[in-house]
Amino acid sequence: MSINTVNYPTPVTVNGYSCKNCTDVDNAKRNIDPSHPKDGPFGVNKQDHAKPGTASGAKPVVTFGGVLAHVAASTGPSQTPTATQGQKLDVRA
């Protein structure tokens, strides 16, 4: 097997995994996620892959100031309602 790999012009899908080169294809054929090959087949050795900005103690990407300083940042569609929700901000000119 060659160590040098060249990325395909267009990614291919093998076993549901997006593959950019022949190494990714070989891993996908063995049910190893090419984006996390150290996890092993079917992710048996899976470790927590924290996305950037989600680790504990991470600073928020956006910090509101001024009039919006008291508004909490959204955590996504599944967040529970808070007392500050329902406030409206008219952004029309």
PDB file of N, CA and C in Angstrom:
ATOM      1  N   MET A   1       0.844  -1.179   0.000  1.00  0.00           N
ATOM      2  CA  MET A   1       0.000   0.000   0.000  1.00  0.00           C
ATOM      3  C   MET A   1       0.884   1.234   0.000  1.00  0.00           C
ATOM      4  N   SER A   2       0.528   2.210  -0.775  1.00  0.00           N
ATOM      5  CA  SER A   2       1.289   3.438  -0.904  1.00  0.00           C
ATOM      6  C   SER A   2       0.994   4.378   0.258  1.00  0.00           C
ATOM      7  N   ILE A   3       2.034   5.040   0.743  1.00  0.00           N
ATOM      8  CA  ILE A   3       1.860   5.999   1.830  1.00  0.00           C
ATOM      9  C   ILE A   3       1.343   7.318   1.283  1.00  0.00           C
ATOM     10  N   ASN A   4       1.760   7.689   0.078  1.00  0.00           N
ATOM     11  CA  ASN A   4       1.306   8.936  -0.528  1.00  0.00           C
ATOM     12  C   ASN A   4      -0.108   8.768  -1.058  1.00  0.00           C
ATOM     13  N   THR A   5      -0.991   9.628  -0.627  1.00  0.00           N
ATOM     14  CA  THR A   5      -2.363   9.581  -1.122  1.00  0.00           C
ATOM     15  C   THR A   5      -2.709  10.920  -1.752  1.00  0.00           C
ATOM     16  N   VAL A   6      -3.524  10.859  -2.773  1.00  0.00           N
ATOM     17  CA  VAL A   6      -3.965  12.058  -3.466  1.00  0.00           C
ATOM     18  C   VAL A   6      -5.477  12.136  -3.317  1.00  0.00           C
ATOM     19  N   ASN A   7      -5.967  13.304  -2.960  1.00  0.00           N
ATOM     20  CA  ASN A   7      -7.406  13.477  -2.791  1.00  0.00           C
ATOM     21  C   ASN A   7      -8.131  13.387  -4.126  1.00  0.00           C
ATOM     22  N   TYR A   8      -9.309  12.768  -4.099  1.00  0.00           N
ATOM     23  CA  TYR A   8     -10.150  12.676  -5.291  1.00  0.00           C
ATOM     24  C   TYR A   8     -10.710  14.060  -5.619  1.00  0.00           C
ATOM     25  N   PRO A   9     -11.005  14.313  -6.896  1.00  0.00           N
ATOM     26  CA  PRO A   9     -11.607  15.604  -7.239  1.00  0.00           C
ATOM     27  C   PRO A   9     -12.989  15.783  -6.609  1.00  0.00           C
ATOM     28  N   THR A  10     -13.719  14.674  -6.456  1.00  0.00           N
ATOM     29  CA  THR A  10     -15.031  14.694  -5.827  1.00  0.00           C
ATOM     30  C   THR A  10     -15.075  13.566  -4.799  1.00  0.00           C
ATOM     31  N   PRO A  11     -15.476  13.853  -3.548  1.00  0.00           N
ATOM     32  CA  PRO A  11     -15.549  12.778  -2.546  1.00  0.00           C
ATOM     33  C   PRO A  11     -16.513  11.669  -2.980  1.00  0.00           C
ATOM     34  N   VAL A  12     -16.197  10.438  -2.589  1.00  0.00           N
ATOM     35  CA  VAL A  12     -17.065   9.293  -2.856  1.00  0.00           C
ATOM     36  C   VAL A  12     -17.610   8.791  -1.530  1.00  0.00           C
ATOM     37  N   THR A  13     -18.714   8.063  -1.581  1.00  0.00           N
ATOM     38  CA  THR A  13     -19.323   7.518  -0.376  1.00  0.00           C
ATOM     39  C   THR A  13     -19.159   6.004  -0.364  1.00  0.00           C
ATOM     40  N   VAL A  14     -18.589   5.477   0.723  1.00  0.00           N
ATOM     41  CA  VAL A  14     -18.405   4.036   0.896  1.00  0.00           C
ATOM     42  C   VAL A  14     -18.950   3.681   2.272  1.00  0.00           C
ATOM     43  N   ASN A  15     -19.907   2.758   2.322  1.00  0.00           N
ATOM     44  CA  ASN A  15     -20.541   2.332   3.575  1.00  0.00           C
ATOM     45  C   ASN A  15     -21.090   3.520   4.379  1.00  0.00           C
ATOM     46  N   GLY A  16     -21.517   4.558   3.688  1.00  0.00           N
ATOM     47  CA  GLY A  16     -22.095   5.718   4.351  1.00  0.00           C
ATOM     48  C   GLY A  16     -21.083   6.752   4.799  1.00  0.00           C
ATOM     49  N   TYR A  17     -19.798   6.512   4.553  1.00  0.00           N
ATOM     50  CA  TYR A  17     -18.747   7.450   4.935  1.00  0.00           C
ATOM     51  C   TYR A  17     -18.282   8.235   3.709  1.00  0.00           C
ATOM     52  N   SER A  18     -18.051   9.525   3.873  1.00  0.00           N
ATOM     53  CA  SER A  18     -17.522  10.356   2.802  1.00  0.00           C
ATOM     54  C   SER A  18     -16.011  10.145   2.750  1.00  0.00           C
ATOM     55  N   CYS A  19     -15.514   9.758   1.576  1.00  0.00           N
ATOM     56  CA  CYS A  19     -14.097   9.433   1.423  1.00  0.00           C
ATOM     57  C   CYS A  19     -13.444  10.373   0.422  1.00  0.00           C
ATOM     58  N   LYS A  20     -12.276  10.924   0.807  1.00  0.00           N
ATOM     59  CA  LYS A  20     -11.559  11.861  -0.050  1.00  0.00           C
ATOM     60  C   LYS A  20     -10.414  11.224  -0.811  1.00  0.00           C
ATOM     61  N   ASN A  21      -9.944  10.036  -0.362  1.00  0.00           N
ATOM     62  CA  ASN A  21      -8.816   9.385  -1.024  1.00  0.00           C
ATOM     63  C   ASN A  21      -8.879   7.876  -0.795  1.00  0.00           C
ATOM     64  N   CYS A  22      -7.892   7.153  -1.349  1.00  0.00           N
ATOM     65  CA  CYS A  22      -7.931   5.695  -1.284  1.00  0.00           C
ATOM     66  C   CYS A  22      -7.766   5.175   0.144  1.00  0.00           C
ATOM     67  N   THR A  23      -7.055   5.896   0.999  1.00  0.00           N
ATOM     68  CA  THR A  23      -6.922   5.489   2.399  1.00  0.00           C
ATOM     69  C   THR A  23      -8.266   5.558   3.097  1.00  0.00           C
ATOM     70  N   ASP A  24      -9.022   6.624   2.845  1.00  0.00           N
ATOM     71  CA  ASP A  24     -10.369   6.740   3.414  1.00  0.00           C
ATOM     72  C   ASP A  24     -11.258   5.599   2.929  1.00  0.00           C
ATOM     73  N   VAL A  25     -11.149   5.237   1.645  1.00  0.00           N
ATOM     74  CA  VAL A  25     -11.957   4.147   1.084  1.00  0.00           C
ATOM     75  C   VAL A  25     -11.611   2.834   1.774  1.00  0.00           C
ATOM     76  N   ASP A  26     -10.312   2.565   1.961  1.00  0.00           N
ATOM     77  CA  ASP A  26      -9.891   1.333   2.648  1.00  0.00           C
ATOM     78  C   ASP A  26     -10.454   1.279   4.063  1.00  0.00           C
ATOM     79  N   ASN A  27     -10.398   2.397   4.786  1.00  0.00           N
ATOM     80  CA  ASN A  27     -10.955   2.430   6.141  1.00  0.00           C
ATOM     81  C   ASN A  27     -12.461   2.215   6.120  1.00  0.00           C
ATOM     82  N   ALA A  28     -13.152   2.870   5.203  1.00  0.00           N
ATOM     83  CA  ALA A  28     -14.613   2.761   5.130  1.00  0.00           C
ATOM     84  C   ALA A  28     -15.042   1.334   4.800  1.00  0.00           C
ATOM     85  N   LYS A  29     -14.286   0.647   3.965  1.00  0.00           N
ATOM     86  CA  LYS A  29     -14.611  -0.751   3.641  1.00  0.00           C
ATOM     87  C   LYS A  29     -14.518  -1.641   4.874  1.00  0.00           C
ATOM     88  N   ARG A  30     -13.687  -1.256   5.846  1.00  0.00           N
ATOM     89  CA  ARG A  30     -13.565  -2.016   7.099  1.00  0.00           C
ATOM     90  C   ARG A  30     -14.446  -1.430   8.198  1.00  0.00           C
ATOM     91  N   ASN A  31     -15.403  -0.551   7.809  1.00  0.00           N
ATOM     92  CA  ASN A  31     -16.334   0.101   8.746  1.00  0.00           C
ATOM     93  C   ASN A  31     -15.617   0.957   9.782  1.00  0.00           C
ATOM     94  N   ILE A  32     -14.549   1.609   9.351  1.00  0.00           N
ATOM     95  CA  ILE A  32     -13.833   2.561  10.193  1.00  0.00           C
ATOM     96  C   ILE A  32     -14.130   3.948   9.645  1.00  0.00           C
ATOM     97  N   ASP A  33     -14.591   4.841  10.495  1.00  0.00           N
ATOM     98  CA  ASP A  33     -14.921   6.202  10.077  1.00  0.00           C
ATOM     99  C   ASP A  33     -13.636   6.911   9.644  1.00  0.00           C
ATOM    100  N   PRO A  34     -13.525   7.314   8.364  1.00  0.00           N
ATOM    101  CA  PRO A  34     -12.302   7.969   7.895  1.00  0.00           C
ATOM    102  C   PRO A  34     -11.968   9.268   8.623  1.00  0.00           C
ATOM    103  N   SER A  35     -12.964   9.962   9.149  1.00  0.00           N
ATOM    104  CA  SER A  35     -12.676  11.202   9.865  1.00  0.00           C
ATOM    105  C   SER A  35     -12.157  10.939  11.282  1.00  0.00           C
ATOM    106  N   HIS A  36     -12.370   9.726  11.809  1.00  0.00           N
ATOM    107  CA  HIS A  36     -11.867   9.338  13.133  1.00  0.00           C
ATOM    108  C   HIS A  36     -11.353   7.900  13.076  1.00  0.00           C
ATOM    109  N   PRO A  37     -10.258   7.646  12.339  1.00  0.00           N
ATOM    110  CA  PRO A  37      -9.807   6.266  12.150  1.00  0.00           C
ATOM    111  C   PRO A  37      -9.342   5.579  13.431  1.00  0.00           C
ATOM    112  N   LYS A  38      -8.912   6.330  14.432  1.00  0.00           N
ATOM    113  CA  LYS A  38      -8.447   5.708  15.679  1.00  0.00           C
ATOM    114  C   LYS A  38      -9.594   5.130  16.505  1.00  0.00           C
ATOM    115  N   ASP A  39     -10.839   5.433  16.132  1.00  0.00           N
ATOM    116  CA  ASP A  39     -12.000   4.887  16.841  1.00  0.00           C
ATOM    117  C   ASP A  39     -12.190   3.407  16.551  1.00  0.00           C
ATOM    118  N   GLY A  40     -11.590   2.896  15.484  1.00  0.00           N
ATOM    119  CA  GLY A  40     -11.696   1.482  15.139  1.00  0.00           C
ATOM    120  C   GLY A  40     -13.000   1.157  14.429  1.00  0.00           C
ATOM    121  N   PRO A  41     -13.165  -0.125  14.061  1.00  0.00           N
ATOM    122  CA  PRO A  41     -14.383  -0.547  13.360  1.00  0.00           C
ATOM    123  C   PRO A  41     -15.627  -0.283  14.206  1.00  0.00           C
ATOM    124  N   PHE A  42     -16.638   0.279  13.575  1.00  0.00           N
ATOM    125  CA  PHE A  42     -17.920   0.592  14.211  1.00  0.00           C
ATOM    126  C   PHE A  42     -17.762   1.485  15.430  1.00  0.00           C
ATOM    127  N   GLY A  43     -16.610   2.166  15.580  1.00  0.00           N
ATOM    128  CA  GLY A  43     -16.396   3.104  16.684  1.00  0.00           C
ATOM    129  C   GLY A  43     -16.207   2.450  18.032  1.00  0.00           C
ATOM    130  N   VAL A  44     -15.684   1.205  18.086  1.00  0.00           N
ATOM    131  CA  VAL A  44     -15.562   0.497  19.356  1.00  0.00           C
ATOM    132  C   VAL A  44     -14.602   1.179  20.327  1.00  0.00           C
ATOM    133  N   ASN A  45     -13.630   1.917  19.832  1.00  0.00           N
ATOM    134  CA  ASN A  45     -12.682   2.623  20.689  1.00  0.00           C
ATOM    135  C   ASN A  45     -12.973   4.118  20.727  1.00  0.00           C
ATOM    136  N   LYS A  46     -14.214   4.473  20.464  1.00  0.00           N
ATOM    137  CA  LYS A  46     -14.601   5.875  20.324  1.00  0.00           C
ATOM    138  C   LYS A  46     -14.343   6.658  21.598  1.00  0.00           C
ATOM    139  N   GLN A  47     -13.760   7.843  21.393  1.00  0.00           N
ATOM    140  CA  GLN A  47     -13.574   8.788  22.475  1.00  0.00           C
ATOM    141  C   GLN A  47     -14.411  10.012  22.158  1.00  0.00           C
ATOM    142  N   ASP A  48     -14.643  10.838  23.154  1.00  0.00           N
ATOM    143  CA  ASP A  48     -15.447  12.034  22.942  1.00  0.00           C
ATOM    144  C   ASP A  48     -14.675  13.006  22.064  1.00  0.00           C
ATOM    145  N   HIS A  49     -15.209  13.294  20.880  1.00  0.00           N
ATOM    146  CA  HIS A  49     -14.599  14.253  19.963  1.00  0.00           C
ATOM    147  C   HIS A  49     -15.340  15.571  20.124  1.00  0.00           C
ATOM    148  N   ALA A  50     -14.867  16.410  21.026  1.00  0.00           N
ATOM    149  CA  ALA A  50     -15.522  17.688  21.273  1.00  0.00           C
ATOM    150  C   ALA A  50     -15.317  18.610  20.084  1.00  0.00           C
ATOM    151  N   LYS A  51     -16.366  19.248  19.682  1.00  0.00           N
ATOM    152  CA  LYS A  51     -16.277  20.218  18.599  1.00  0.00           C
ATOM    153  C   LYS A  51     -15.656  21.497  19.147  1.00  0.00           C
ATOM    154  N   PRO A  52     -14.987  22.273  18.291  1.00  0.00           N
ATOM    155  CA  PRO A  52     -14.391  23.521  18.770  1.00  0.00           C
ATOM    156  C   PRO A  52     -15.433  24.427  19.420  1.00  0.00           C
ATOM    157  N   GLY A  53     -15.092  24.953  20.581  1.00  0.00           N
ATOM    158  CA  GLY A  53     -15.995  25.851  21.283  1.00  0.00           C
ATOM    159  C   GLY A  53     -16.992  25.148  22.185  1.00  0.00           C
ATOM    160  N   THR A  54     -16.951  23.800  22.281  1.00  0.00           N
ATOM    161  CA  THR A  54     -17.905  23.099  23.127  1.00  0.00           C
ATOM    162  C   THR A  54     -17.238  22.457  24.343  1.00  0.00           C
ATOM    163  N   ALA A  55     -15.931  22.553  24.462  1.00  0.00           N
ATOM    164  CA  ALA A  55     -15.250  21.969  25.609  1.00  0.00           C
ATOM    165  C   ALA A  55     -15.628  22.733  26.866  1.00  0.00           C
ATOM    166  N   SER A  56     -15.536  22.055  27.993  1.00  0.00           N
ATOM    167  CA  SER A  56     -15.896  22.728  29.237  1.00  0.00           C
ATOM    168  C   SER A  56     -14.955  23.904  29.478  1.00  0.00           C
ATOM    169  N   GLY A  57     -15.508  25.007  29.893  1.00  0.00           N
ATOM    170  CA  GLY A  57     -14.721  26.197  30.131  1.00  0.00           C
ATOM    171  C   GLY A  57     -14.445  27.006  28.877  1.00  0.00           C
ATOM    172  N   ALA A  58     -14.997  26.613  27.750  1.00  0.00           N
ATOM    173  CA  ALA A  58     -14.764  27.340  26.508  1.00  0.00           C
ATOM    174  C   ALA A  58     -15.533  28.650  26.520  1.00  0.00           C
ATOM    175  N   LYS A  59     -14.939  29.640  25.903  1.00  0.00           N
ATOM    176  CA  LYS A  59     -15.597  30.942  25.820  1.00  0.00           C
ATOM    177  C   LYS A  59     -16.633  30.906  24.707  1.00  0.00           C
ATOM    178  N   PRO A  60     -17.734  31.641  24.860  1.00  0.00           N
ATOM    179  CA  PRO A  60     -18.736  31.681  23.794  1.00  0.00           C
ATOM    180  C   PRO A  60     -18.170  32.378  22.558  1.00  0.00           C
ATOM    181  N   VAL A  61     -18.678  32.002  21.404  1.00  0.00           N
ATOM    182  CA  VAL A  61     -18.221  32.586  20.150  1.00  0.00           C
ATOM    183  C   VAL A  61     -18.672  34.032  20.033  1.00  0.00           C
ATOM    184  N   VAL A  62     -19.896  34.315  20.504  1.00  0.00           N
ATOM    185  CA  VAL A  62     -20.453  35.662  20.422  1.00  0.00           C
ATOM    186  C   VAL A  62     -20.791  36.138  21.829  1.00  0.00           C
ATOM    187  N   THR A  63     -20.379  37.349  22.143  1.00  0.00           N
ATOM    188  CA  THR A  63     -20.725  37.961  23.426  1.00  0.00           C
ATOM    189  C   THR A  63     -21.456  39.261  23.132  1.00  0.00           C
ATOM    190  N   PHE A  64     -22.663  39.375  23.644  1.00  0.00           N
ATOM    191  CA  PHE A  64     -23.455  40.571  23.429  1.00  0.00           C
ATOM    192  C   PHE A  64     -23.032  41.654  24.414  1.00  0.00           C
ATOM    193  N   GLY A  65     -23.098  42.881  23.955  1.00  0.00           N
ATOM    194  CA  GLY A  65     -22.785  44.020  24.810  1.00  0.00           C
ATOM    195  C   GLY A  65     -23.859  45.079  24.674  1.00  0.00           C
ATOM    196  N   GLY A  66     -23.745  46.138  25.427  1.00  0.00           N
ATOM    197  CA  GLY A  66     -24.699  47.239  25.348  1.00  0.00           C
ATOM    198  C   GLY A  66     -26.088  46.810  25.769  1.00  0.00           C
ATOM    199  N   VAL A  67     -27.082  47.152  24.947  1.00  0.00           N
ATOM    200  CA  VAL A  67     -28.481  46.865  25.252  1.00  0.00           C
ATOM    201  C   VAL A  67     -28.731  45.354  25.304  1.00  0.00           C
ATOM    202  N   LEU A  68     -27.986  44.589  24.516  1.00  0.00           N
ATOM    203  CA  LEU A  68     -28.208  43.144  24.446  1.00  0.00           C
ATOM    204  C   LEU A  68     -27.381  42.347  25.459  1.00  0.00           C
ATOM    205  N   ALA A  69     -26.642  42.993  26.354  1.00  0.00           N
ATOM    206  CA  ALA A  69     -25.766  42.308  27.297  1.00  0.00           C
ATOM    207  C   ALA A  69     -26.518  41.336  28.201  1.00  0.00           C
ATOM    208  N   HIS A  70     -27.776  41.607  28.516  1.00  0.00           N
ATOM    209  CA  HIS A  70     -28.539  40.751  29.422  1.00  0.00           C
ATOM    210  C   HIS A  70     -29.193  39.563  28.711  1.00  0.00           C
ATOM    211  N   VAL A  71     -29.148  39.526  27.375  1.00  0.00           N
ATOM    212  CA  VAL A  71     -29.787  38.457  26.620  1.00  0.00           C
ATOM    213  C   VAL A  71     -28.858  37.250  26.582  1.00  0.00           C
ATOM    214  N   ALA A  72     -29.364  36.083  26.955  1.00  0.00           N
ATOM    215  CA  ALA A  72     -28.562  34.865  26.935  1.00  0.00           C
ATOM    216  C   ALA A  72     -28.438  34.345  25.512  1.00  0.00           C
ATOM    217  N   ALA A  73     -27.292  33.750  25.190  1.00  0.00           N
ATOM    218  CA  ALA A  73     -27.089  33.170  23.865  1.00  0.00           C
ATOM    219  C   ALA A  73     -27.937  31.914  23.723  1.00  0.00           C
ATOM    220  N   SER A  74     -28.387  31.641  22.531  1.00  0.00           N
ATOM    221  CA  SER A  74     -29.214  30.472  22.259  1.00  0.00           C
ATOM    222  C   SER A  74     -28.369  29.210  22.297  1.00  0.00           C
ATOM    223  N   THR A  75     -28.908  28.140  22.881  1.00  0.00           N
ATOM    224  CA  THR A  75     -28.201  26.864  22.900  1.00  0.00           C
ATOM    225  C   THR A  75     -28.760  25.915  21.860  1.00  0.00           C
ATOM    226  N   GLY A  76     -29.697  26.338  21.070  1.00  0.00           N
ATOM    227  CA  GLY A  76     -30.250  25.485  20.025  1.00  0.00           C
ATOM    228  C   GLY A  76     -31.751  25.375  20.141  1.00  0.00           C
ATOM    229  N   PRO A  77     -32.367  24.619  19.223  1.00  0.00           N
ATOM    230  CA  PRO A  77     -33.819  24.528  19.194  1.00  0.00           C
ATOM    231  C   PRO A  77     -34.421  23.778  20.378  1.00  0.00           C
ATOM    232  N   SER A  78     -33.636  22.988  21.100  1.00  0.00           N
ATOM    233  CA  SER A  78     -34.203  22.195  22.185  1.00  0.00           C
ATOM    234  C   SER A  78     -34.074  22.879  23.537  1.00  0.00           C
ATOM    235  N   GLN A  79     -33.672  24.146  23.573  1.00  0.00           N
ATOM    236  CA  GLN A  79     -33.510  24.813  24.850  1.00  0.00           C
ATOM    237  C   GLN A  79     -34.853  25.040  25.531  1.00  0.00           C
ATOM    238  N   THR A  80     -34.811  25.128  26.837  1.00  0.00           N
ATOM    239  CA  THR A  80     -36.036  25.371  27.593  1.00  0.00           C
ATOM    240  C   THR A  80     -36.285  26.863  27.661  1.00  0.00           C
ATOM    241  N   PRO A  81     -37.548  27.274  27.707  1.00  0.00           N
ATOM    242  CA  PRO A  81     -37.870  28.702  27.751  1.00  0.00           C
ATOM    243  C   PRO A  81     -37.335  29.359  29.015  1.00  0.00           C
ATOM    244  N   THR A  82     -36.891  30.602  28.878  1.00  0.00           N
ATOM    245  CA  THR A  82     -36.411  31.363  30.027  1.00  0.00           C
ATOM    246  C   THR A  82     -37.224  32.643  30.138  1.00  0.00           C
ATOM    247  N   ALA A  83     -36.991  33.368  31.209  1.00  0.00           N
ATOM    248  CA  ALA A  83     -37.756  34.593  31.440  1.00  0.00           C
ATOM    249  C   ALA A  83     -37.453  35.661  30.397  1.00  0.00           C
ATOM    250  N   THR A  84     -36.248  35.639  29.795  1.00  0.00           N
ATOM    251  CA  THR A  84     -35.892  36.679  28.835  1.00  0.00           C
ATOM    252  C   THR A  84     -36.443  36.377  27.444  1.00  0.00           C
ATOM    253  N   GLN A  85     -36.919  35.173  27.201  1.00  0.00           N
ATOM    254  CA  GLN A  85     -37.475  34.872  25.895  1.00  0.00           C
ATOM    255  C   GLN A  85     -38.818  35.565  25.752  1.00  0.00           C
ATOM    256  N   GLY A  86     -39.142  35.910  24.540  1.00  0.00           N
ATOM    257  CA  GLY A  86     -40.369  36.615  24.287  1.00  0.00           C
ATOM    258  C   GLY A  86     -40.140  38.106  24.093  1.00  0.00           C
ATOM    259  N   GLN A  87     -38.959  38.563  24.471  1.00  0.00           N
ATOM    260  CA  GLN A  87     -38.619  39.949  24.208  1.00  0.00           C
ATOM    261  C   GLN A  87     -38.385  40.089  22.718  1.00  0.00           C
ATOM    262  N   LYS A  88     -38.726  41.230  22.163  1.00  0.00           N
ATOM    263  CA  LYS A  88     -38.583  41.433  20.729  1.00  0.00           C
ATOM    264  C   LYS A  88     -37.612  42.560  20.455  1.00  0.00           C
ATOM    265  N   LEU A  89     -36.908  42.425  19.339  1.00  0.00           N
ATOM    266  CA  LEU A  89     -35.990  43.446  18.882  1.00  0.00           C
ATOM    267  C   LEU A  89     -36.333  43.756  17.446  1.00  0.00           C
ATOM    268  N   ASP A  90     -36.736  44.983  17.177  1.00  0.00           N
ATOM    269  CA  ASP A  90     -37.095  45.382  15.818  1.00  0.00           C
ATOM    270  C   ASP A  90     -35.821  45.829  15.115  1.00  0.00           C
ATOM    271  N   VAL A  91     -35.404  45.090  14.073  1.00  0.00           N
ATOM    272  CA  VAL A  91     -34.176  45.405  13.360  1.00  0.00           C
ATOM    273  C   VAL A  91     -34.438  46.086  12.033  1.00  0.00           C
ATOM    274  N   ARG A  92     -35.677  46.438  11.775  1.00  0.00           N
ATOM    275  CA  ARG A  92     -35.989  47.149  10.526  1.00  0.00           C
ATOM    276  C   ARG A  92     -35.487  48.574  10.588  1.00  0.00           C
ATOM    277  N   ALA A  93     -35.039  49.083   9.446  1.00  0.00           N
ATOM    278  CA  ALA A  93     -34.506  50.450   9.397  1.00  0.00           C
ATOM    279  C   ALA A  93     -35.613  51.458   9.273  1.00  0.00           C
TER     280      ALA A  93
END
